[in-house]
Amino acid sequence: MKLSAELAAFAARLGHDFARPELLHRALTHPSMSSPARPDNQRLEFLGDRVLGLVMAEALLKADKGASEGQLAPRFNALVRKETCAEVARALDLGAALKLGRSEMLSGGRRKEAILADAMEAVIAAVYLDAGFEAARGLILRHWGDRLHSVASDARDPKTMLQEWAQARGQTPPRYVEAGRSGPDHAPEFIIEAQLDSGESSRASAGSKRQAEQLAARALLERLEAET
């Protein structure tokens, strides 16, 4: 199978010359475009998630030989979570090479975080199957490199940190309320308000409720820190 111009350009950005181009084609085929003759990337995504996890765990252990499991775990989660995979995918302009069904394409699928993250993990698996673990590790370290070295010592997500802040002060867990929604159905923007028992609150907006909740929690934490 010969790669299309879009896939060849993506492979160049990725930095891997595929001996089996069909693996990359499959990695970038969303379920909305699948058929018996054109398998989608879900099985590859499952494998790629595990390869990414192993590489990141190994790299973190080497980067900080004195860190405890409790310190390493949040850093690991920050590096392998969907948001980070989607960031790497955007940096590679992976969306331009995705094979999407018409409805998914019209609904903004090339920009959706979950689709980009899953495809990025599938690409990792494609490289692993095409050239082995060392090639996959090299690719991951190359494209995650800066994040690996800059990930915070305390990389807990903002929602977890805000919950711990509230519990330490005898409050119930924060509430996340949808305060508004804008934009078309295929590209909504959610406004979420994080609220504490003590009355403090902060709002944030994003293209997914999950991301908006994280941003609202972060904004509230920053506000609370500024007041102390």
C-alpha atoms as a PDB file:
ATOM      1  CA  MET A   1       0.000   0.000   0.000  1.00  0.00           C
ATOM      2  CA  LYS A   2       1.308   3.429  -0.934  1.00  0.00           C
ATOM      3  CA  LEU A   3       0.743   6.327   1.434  1.00  0.00           C
ATOM      4  CA  SER A   4      -1.376   9.243   0.289  1.00  0.00           C
ATOM      5  CA  ALA A   5       0.187  12.691   0.203  1.00  0.00           C
ATOM      6  CA  GLU A   6      -1.435  13.570   3.556  1.00  0.00           C
ATOM      7  CA  LEU A   7      -0.183  10.408   5.259  1.00  0.00           C
ATOM      8  CA  ALA A   8       3.291  10.707   3.737  1.00  0.00           C
ATOM      9  CA  ALA A   9       3.531  14.278   5.007  1.00  0.00           C
ATOM     10  CA  PHE A  10       2.431  13.164   8.464  1.00  0.00           C
ATOM     11  CA  ALA A  11       4.958  10.303   8.506  1.00  0.00           C
ATOM     12  CA  ALA A  12       7.658  12.857   7.703  1.00  0.00           C
ATOM     13  CA  ARG A  13       6.551  15.076  10.591  1.00  0.00           C
ATOM     14  CA  LEU A  14       6.477  12.004  12.818  1.00  0.00           C
ATOM     15  CA  GLY A  15       9.988  11.036  11.776  1.00  0.00           C
ATOM     16  CA  HIS A  16       9.319   7.401  10.897  1.00  0.00           C
ATOM     17  CA  ASP A  17       9.622   5.676   7.525  1.00  0.00           C
ATOM     18  CA  PHE A  18       7.028   2.894   7.536  1.00  0.00           C
ATOM     19  CA  ALA A  19       8.040  -0.463   6.088  1.00  0.00           C
ATOM     20  CA  ARG A  20       4.358  -1.417   6.382  1.00  0.00           C
ATOM     21  CA  PRO A  21       2.412   1.695   5.359  1.00  0.00           C
ATOM     22  CA  GLU A  22      -0.909  -0.072   5.995  1.00  0.00           C
ATOM     23  CA  LEU A  23      -0.240   0.223   9.721  1.00  0.00           C
ATOM     24  CA  LEU A  24      -0.192   4.017   9.563  1.00  0.00           C
ATOM     25  CA  HIS A  25      -3.272   4.006   7.355  1.00  0.00           C
ATOM     26  CA  ARG A  26      -5.113   1.947   9.949  1.00  0.00           C
ATOM     27  CA  ALA A  27      -3.845   4.055  12.851  1.00  0.00           C
ATOM     28  CA  LEU A  28      -5.375   7.149  11.285  1.00  0.00           C
ATOM     29  CA  THR A  29      -8.710   5.560  10.342  1.00  0.00           C
ATOM     30  CA  HIS A  30     -11.477   6.597  12.737  1.00  0.00           C
ATOM     31  CA  PRO A  31     -14.319   4.123  13.443  1.00  0.00           C
ATOM     32  CA  SER A  32     -16.673   6.416  11.492  1.00  0.00           C
ATOM     33  CA  MET A  33     -14.703   5.523   8.357  1.00  0.00           C
ATOM     34  CA  SER A  34     -14.216   1.800   9.000  1.00  0.00           C
ATOM     35  CA  SER A  35     -15.495  -1.091   6.889  1.00  0.00           C
ATOM     36  CA  PRO A  36     -14.639  -4.808   6.548  1.00  0.00           C
ATOM     37  CA  ALA A  37     -11.978  -3.817   4.050  1.00  0.00           C
ATOM     38  CA  ARG A  38     -10.829  -0.785   6.058  1.00  0.00           C
ATOM     39  CA  PRO A  39     -10.313  -1.627   9.774  1.00  0.00           C
ATOM     40  CA  ASP A  40     -10.335   1.254  12.244  1.00  0.00           C
ATOM     41  CA  ASN A  41      -7.723   2.259  14.813  1.00  0.00           C
ATOM     42  CA  GLN A  42      -9.382   1.061  18.041  1.00  0.00           C
ATOM     43  CA  ARG A  43      -7.278  -2.068  18.540  1.00  0.00           C
ATOM     44  CA  LEU A  44      -4.104  -0.141  17.772  1.00  0.00           C
ATOM     45  CA  GLU A  45      -5.151   2.558  20.248  1.00  0.00           C
ATOM     46  CA  PHE A  46      -5.457  -0.133  22.947  1.00  0.00           C
ATOM     47  CA  LEU A  47      -1.921  -1.334  22.252  1.00  0.00           C
ATOM     48  CA  GLY A  48      -0.419   2.126  21.873  1.00  0.00           C
ATOM     49  CA  ASP A  49      -1.744   3.190  25.254  1.00  0.00           C
ATOM     50  CA  ARG A  50       0.225   0.343  26.871  1.00  0.00           C
ATOM     51  CA  VAL A  51       3.410   1.071  24.923  1.00  0.00           C
ATOM     52  CA  LEU A  52       3.219   4.743  25.895  1.00  0.00           C
ATOM     53  CA  GLY A  53       2.699   3.807  29.534  1.00  0.00           C
ATOM     54  CA  LEU A  54       5.725   1.519  29.628  1.00  0.00           C
ATOM     55  CA  VAL A  55       7.987   4.079  27.957  1.00  0.00           C
ATOM     56  CA  MET A  56       6.873   6.873  30.289  1.00  0.00           C
ATOM     57  CA  ALA A  57       7.225   4.733  33.422  1.00  0.00           C
ATOM     58  CA  GLU A  58      10.738   3.718  32.425  1.00  0.00           C
ATOM     59  CA  ALA A  59      11.727   7.277  31.497  1.00  0.00           C
ATOM     60  CA  LEU A  60      10.449   8.735  34.764  1.00  0.00           C
ATOM     61  CA  LEU A  61      12.372   6.175  36.799  1.00  0.00           C
ATOM     62  CA  LYS A  62      15.570   7.062  34.946  1.00  0.00           C
ATOM     63  CA  ALA A  63      14.958  10.812  35.168  1.00  0.00           C
ATOM     64  CA  ASP A  64      14.523  10.859  38.953  1.00  0.00           C
ATOM     65  CA  LYS A  65      16.171   7.944  40.703  1.00  0.00           C
ATOM     66  CA  GLY A  66      15.203   9.222  44.135  1.00  0.00           C
ATOM     67  CA  ALA A  67      11.501   9.802  43.550  1.00  0.00           C
ATOM     68  CA  SER A  68       8.951   7.738  45.446  1.00  0.00           C
ATOM     69  CA  GLU A  69       6.011   5.964  43.831  1.00  0.00           C
ATOM     70  CA  GLY A  70       3.766   8.661  45.262  1.00  0.00           C
ATOM     71  CA  GLN A  71       5.771  11.338  43.451  1.00  0.00           C
ATOM     72  CA  LEU A  72       6.070   9.411  40.197  1.00  0.00           C
ATOM     73  CA  ALA A  73       2.416   8.431  39.827  1.00  0.00           C
ATOM     74  CA  PRO A  74       0.989  11.941  39.260  1.00  0.00           C
ATOM     75  CA  ARG A  75       3.778  12.785  36.838  1.00  0.00           C
ATOM     76  CA  PHE A  76       3.065   9.572  34.933  1.00  0.00           C
ATOM     77  CA  ASN A  77      -0.653  10.370  34.788  1.00  0.00           C
ATOM     78  CA  ALA A  78       0.085  13.867  33.485  1.00  0.00           C
ATOM     79  CA  LEU A  79       2.238  12.484  30.665  1.00  0.00           C
ATOM     80  CA  VAL A  80      -0.077   9.704  29.443  1.00  0.00           C
ATOM     81  CA  ARG A  81      -3.497  11.311  29.879  1.00  0.00           C
ATOM     82  CA  LYS A  82      -5.679  12.023  26.866  1.00  0.00           C
ATOM     83  CA  GLU A  83      -5.122  15.769  27.027  1.00  0.00           C
ATOM     84  CA  THR A  84      -1.351  15.338  26.657  1.00  0.00           C
ATOM     85  CA  CYS A  85      -1.716  12.840  23.802  1.00  0.00           C
ATOM     86  CA  ALA A  86      -3.993  15.321  22.035  1.00  0.00           C
ATOM     87  CA  GLU A  87      -1.434  18.113  22.544  1.00  0.00           C
ATOM     88  CA  VAL A  88       1.244  16.004  20.870  1.00  0.00           C
ATOM     89  CA  ALA A  89      -1.175  15.144  18.061  1.00  0.00           C
ATOM     90  CA  ARG A  90      -1.899  18.836  17.475  1.00  0.00           C
ATOM     91  CA  ALA A  91       1.814  19.656  17.405  1.00  0.00           C
ATOM     92  CA  LEU A  92       2.178  17.040  14.651  1.00  0.00           C
ATOM     93  CA  ASP A  93      -0.944  18.286  12.840  1.00  0.00           C
ATOM     94  CA  LEU A  94      -2.289  14.746  13.052  1.00  0.00           C
ATOM     95  CA  GLY A  95      -5.824  15.979  12.406  1.00  0.00           C
ATOM     96  CA  ALA A  96      -4.955  16.837   8.798  1.00  0.00           C
ATOM     97  CA  ALA A  97      -4.179  13.155   8.100  1.00  0.00           C
ATOM     98  CA  LEU A  98      -7.179  11.578   9.850  1.00  0.00           C
ATOM     99  CA  LYS A  99      -9.580   9.424   7.847  1.00  0.00           C
ATOM    100  CA  LEU A 100     -13.055  10.378   9.072  1.00  0.00           C
ATOM    101  CA  GLY A 101     -16.607   9.633   8.019  1.00  0.00           C
ATOM    102  CA  ARG A 102     -18.522  12.552   6.571  1.00  0.00           C
ATOM    103  CA  SER A 103     -20.659  13.203   9.647  1.00  0.00           C
ATOM    104  CA  GLU A 104     -17.664  13.132  11.989  1.00  0.00           C
ATOM    105  CA  MET A 105     -15.693  15.375   9.668  1.00  0.00           C
ATOM    106  CA  LEU A 106     -18.535  17.913   9.493  1.00  0.00           C
ATOM    107  CA  SER A 107     -18.859  17.896  13.287  1.00  0.00           C
ATOM    108  CA  GLY A 108     -15.262  19.026  13.746  1.00  0.00           C
ATOM    109  CA  GLY A 109     -13.711  15.604  14.312  1.00  0.00           C
ATOM    110  CA  ARG A 110     -10.246  16.737  13.227  1.00  0.00           C
ATOM    111  CA  ARG A 111     -10.131  19.012  16.281  1.00  0.00           C
ATOM    112  CA  LYS A 112     -11.784  16.762  18.887  1.00  0.00           C
ATOM    113  CA  GLU A 113      -9.515  15.950  21.797  1.00  0.00           C
ATOM    114  CA  ALA A 114     -10.635  12.342  22.255  1.00  0.00           C
ATOM    115  CA  ILE A 115     -10.253  11.519  18.555  1.00  0.00           C
ATOM    116  CA  LEU A 116      -6.792  13.091  18.370  1.00  0.00           C
ATOM    117  CA  ALA A 117      -5.639  11.357  21.551  1.00  0.00           C
ATOM    118  CA  ASP A 118      -6.850   7.935  20.437  1.00  0.00           C
ATOM    119  CA  ALA A 119      -5.245   8.338  17.015  1.00  0.00           C
ATOM    120  CA  MET A 120      -1.937   9.407  18.580  1.00  0.00           C
ATOM    121  CA  GLU A 121      -1.894   6.245  20.689  1.00  0.00           C
ATOM    122  CA  ALA A 122      -2.751   4.200  17.599  1.00  0.00           C
ATOM    123  CA  VAL A 123       0.179   5.774  15.742  1.00  0.00           C
ATOM    124  CA  ILE A 124       2.506   4.733  18.571  1.00  0.00           C
ATOM    125  CA  ALA A 125       1.259   1.152  18.180  1.00  0.00           C
ATOM    126  CA  ALA A 126       1.730   1.341  14.421  1.00  0.00           C
ATOM    127  CA  VAL A 127       5.383   2.315  14.879  1.00  0.00           C
ATOM    128  CA  TYR A 128       5.826  -0.438  17.500  1.00  0.00           C
ATOM    129  CA  LEU A 129       4.425  -3.098  15.159  1.00  0.00           C
ATOM    130  CA  ASP A 130       6.329  -1.720  12.180  1.00  0.00           C
ATOM    131  CA  ALA A 131       9.782  -1.428  13.731  1.00  0.00           C
ATOM    132  CA  GLY A 132       9.756  -2.684  17.326  1.00  0.00           C
ATOM    133  CA  PHE A 133       9.892  -1.268  20.829  1.00  0.00           C
ATOM    134  CA  GLU A 134      13.084   0.763  20.439  1.00  0.00           C
ATOM    135  CA  ALA A 135      11.620   2.659  17.477  1.00  0.00           C
ATOM    136  CA  ALA A 136       8.425   3.354  19.420  1.00  0.00           C
ATOM    137  CA  ARG A 137      10.385   4.488  22.464  1.00  0.00           C
ATOM    138  CA  GLY A 138      12.508   6.814  20.355  1.00  0.00           C
ATOM    139  CA  LEU A 139       9.436   8.347  18.790  1.00  0.00           C
ATOM    140  CA  ILE A 140       7.722   8.873  22.161  1.00  0.00           C
ATOM    141  CA  LEU A 141      10.766  10.405  23.828  1.00  0.00           C
ATOM    142  CA  ARG A 142      11.299  12.663  20.829  1.00  0.00           C
ATOM    143  CA  HIS A 143       7.777  14.059  20.831  1.00  0.00           C
ATOM    144  CA  TRP A 144       7.139  13.976  24.588  1.00  0.00           C
ATOM    145  CA  GLY A 145      10.683  15.049  25.502  1.00  0.00           C
ATOM    146  CA  ASP A 146      10.088  18.581  26.750  1.00  0.00           C
ATOM    147  CA  ARG A 147       7.049  17.484  28.731  1.00  0.00           C
ATOM    148  CA  LEU A 148       9.004  14.687  30.364  1.00  0.00           C
ATOM    149  CA  HIS A 149      11.631  17.096  31.658  1.00  0.00           C
ATOM    150  CA  SER A 150       9.227  19.868  32.670  1.00  0.00           C
ATOM    151  CA  VAL A 151       6.424  17.851  34.263  1.00  0.00           C
ATOM    152  CA  ALA A 152       5.839  19.265  37.728  1.00  0.00           C
ATOM    153  CA  SER A 153       7.006  17.375  40.778  1.00  0.00           C
ATOM    154  CA  ASP A 154       3.396  17.588  41.933  1.00  0.00           C
ATOM    155  CA  ALA A 155       1.483  16.912  38.724  1.00  0.00           C
ATOM    156  CA  ARG A 156      -1.873  16.093  40.242  1.00  0.00           C
ATOM    157  CA  ASP A 157      -4.739  17.380  38.131  1.00  0.00           C
ATOM    158  CA  PRO A 158      -6.406  20.597  39.367  1.00  0.00           C
ATOM    159  CA  LYS A 159      -9.683  18.872  40.318  1.00  0.00           C
ATOM    160  CA  THR A 160      -7.840  16.472  42.611  1.00  0.00           C
ATOM    161  CA  MET A 161      -5.847  19.302  44.163  1.00  0.00           C
ATOM    162  CA  LEU A 162      -8.961  21.413  44.741  1.00  0.00           C
ATOM    163  CA  GLN A 163     -10.768  18.474  46.332  1.00  0.00           C
ATOM    164  CA  GLU A 164      -7.845  17.871  48.680  1.00  0.00           C
ATOM    165  CA  TRP A 165      -7.783  21.592  49.551  1.00  0.00           C
ATOM    166  CA  ALA A 166     -11.482  21.494  50.437  1.00  0.00           C
ATOM    167  CA  GLN A 167     -11.272  18.264  52.438  1.00  0.00           C
ATOM    168  CA  ALA A 168      -8.309  19.553  54.432  1.00  0.00           C
ATOM    169  CA  ARG A 169     -10.586  22.380  55.600  1.00  0.00           C
ATOM    170  CA  GLY A 170     -13.546  20.186  56.454  1.00  0.00           C
ATOM    171  CA  GLN A 171     -15.534  21.074  53.346  1.00  0.00           C
ATOM    172  CA  THR A 172     -17.404  18.717  51.047  1.00  0.00           C
ATOM    173  CA  PRO A 173     -15.896  18.069  47.589  1.00  0.00           C
ATOM    174  CA  PRO A 174     -16.187  20.954  45.099  1.00  0.00           C
ATOM    175  CA  ARG A 175     -19.242  21.119  42.867  1.00  0.00           C
ATOM    176  CA  TYR A 176     -19.037  21.663  39.121  1.00  0.00           C
ATOM    177  CA  VAL A 177     -22.062  23.370  37.619  1.00  0.00           C
ATOM    178  CA  GLU A 178     -22.717  23.989  33.938  1.00  0.00           C
ATOM    179  CA  ALA A 179     -23.269  27.746  33.888  1.00  0.00           C
ATOM    180  CA  GLY A 180     -23.760  28.084  30.160  1.00  0.00           C
ATOM    181  CA  ARG A 181     -23.148  26.706  26.718  1.00  0.00           C
ATOM    182  CA  SER A 182     -22.508  28.388  23.391  1.00  0.00           C
ATOM    183  CA  GLY A 183     -21.531  27.547  19.851  1.00  0.00           C
ATOM    184  CA  PRO A 184     -23.034  25.124  17.329  1.00  0.00           C
ATOM    185  CA  ASP A 185     -23.918  21.539  18.235  1.00  0.00           C
ATOM    186  CA  HIS A 186     -20.880  20.165  16.415  1.00  0.00           C
ATOM    187  CA  ALA A 187     -18.453  22.469  18.272  1.00  0.00           C
ATOM    188  CA  PRO A 188     -19.973  23.447  21.635  1.00  0.00           C
ATOM    189  CA  GLU A 189     -18.262  25.605  24.236  1.00  0.00           C
ATOM    190  CA  PHE A 190     -19.119  24.738  27.839  1.00  0.00           C
ATOM    191  CA  ILE A 191     -18.961  27.211  30.722  1.00  0.00           C
ATOM    192  CA  ILE A 192     -18.373  25.438  34.026  1.00  0.00           C
ATOM    193  CA  GLU A 193     -18.329  26.974  37.498  1.00  0.00           C
ATOM    194  CA  ALA A 194     -16.337  25.335  40.299  1.00  0.00           C
ATOM    195  CA  GLN A 195     -17.982  26.023  43.674  1.00  0.00           C
ATOM    196  CA  LEU A 196     -16.870  25.496  47.286  1.00  0.00           C
ATOM    197  CA  ASP A 197     -18.951  25.303  50.470  1.00  0.00           C
ATOM    198  CA  SER A 198     -17.239  28.461  51.690  1.00  0.00           C
ATOM    199  CA  GLY A 199     -18.671  30.441  48.775  1.00  0.00           C
ATOM    200  CA  GLU A 200     -15.616  30.821  46.570  1.00  0.00           C
ATOM    201  CA  SER A 201     -16.106  30.016  42.899  1.00  0.00           C
ATOM    202  CA  SER A 202     -14.470  30.424  39.509  1.00  0.00           C
ATOM    203  CA  ARG A 203     -15.616  29.868  35.940  1.00  0.00           C
ATOM    204  CA  ALA A 204     -13.878  28.597  32.831  1.00  0.00           C
ATOM    205  CA  SER A 205     -14.898  27.556  29.332  1.00  0.00           C
ATOM    206  CA  ALA A 206     -13.665  24.849  26.975  1.00  0.00           C
ATOM    207  CA  GLY A 207     -14.789  22.550  24.203  1.00  0.00           C
ATOM    208  CA  SER A 208     -15.501  19.683  26.621  1.00  0.00           C
ATOM    209  CA  LYS A 209     -17.031  19.615  30.084  1.00  0.00           C
ATOM    210  CA  ARG A 210     -14.064  17.706  31.465  1.00  0.00           C
ATOM    211  CA  GLN A 211     -11.561  20.262  30.251  1.00  0.00           C
ATOM    212  CA  ALA A 212     -13.717  23.167  31.430  1.00  0.00           C
ATOM    213  CA  GLU A 213     -13.950  21.589  34.902  1.00  0.00           C
ATOM    214  CA  GLN A 214     -10.165  21.246  35.067  1.00  0.00           C
ATOM    215  CA  LEU A 215      -9.679  24.850  33.980  1.00  0.00           C
ATOM    216  CA  ALA A 216     -12.270  26.118  36.478  1.00  0.00           C
ATOM    217  CA  ALA A 217     -10.592  24.152  39.270  1.00  0.00           C
ATOM    218  CA  ARG A 218      -7.187  25.556  38.293  1.00  0.00           C
ATOM    219  CA  ALA A 219      -8.545  29.116  38.228  1.00  0.00           C
ATOM    220  CA  LEU A 220     -10.104  28.680  41.671  1.00  0.00           C
ATOM    221  CA  LEU A 221      -6.881  27.216  43.108  1.00  0.00           C
ATOM    222  CA  GLU A 222      -4.896  30.173  41.771  1.00  0.00           C
ATOM    223  CA  ARG A 223      -7.414  32.553  43.271  1.00  0.00           C
ATOM    224  CA  LEU A 224      -7.271  30.842  46.663  1.00  0.00           C
ATOM    225  CA  GLU A 225      -3.453  30.868  46.621  1.00  0.00           C
ATOM    226  CA  ALA A 226      -3.427  34.582  45.789  1.00  0.00           C
ATOM    227  CA  GLU A 227      -5.679  35.304  48.772  1.00  0.00           C
ATOM    228  CA  THR A 228      -3.460  33.454  51.283  1.00  0.00           C
END
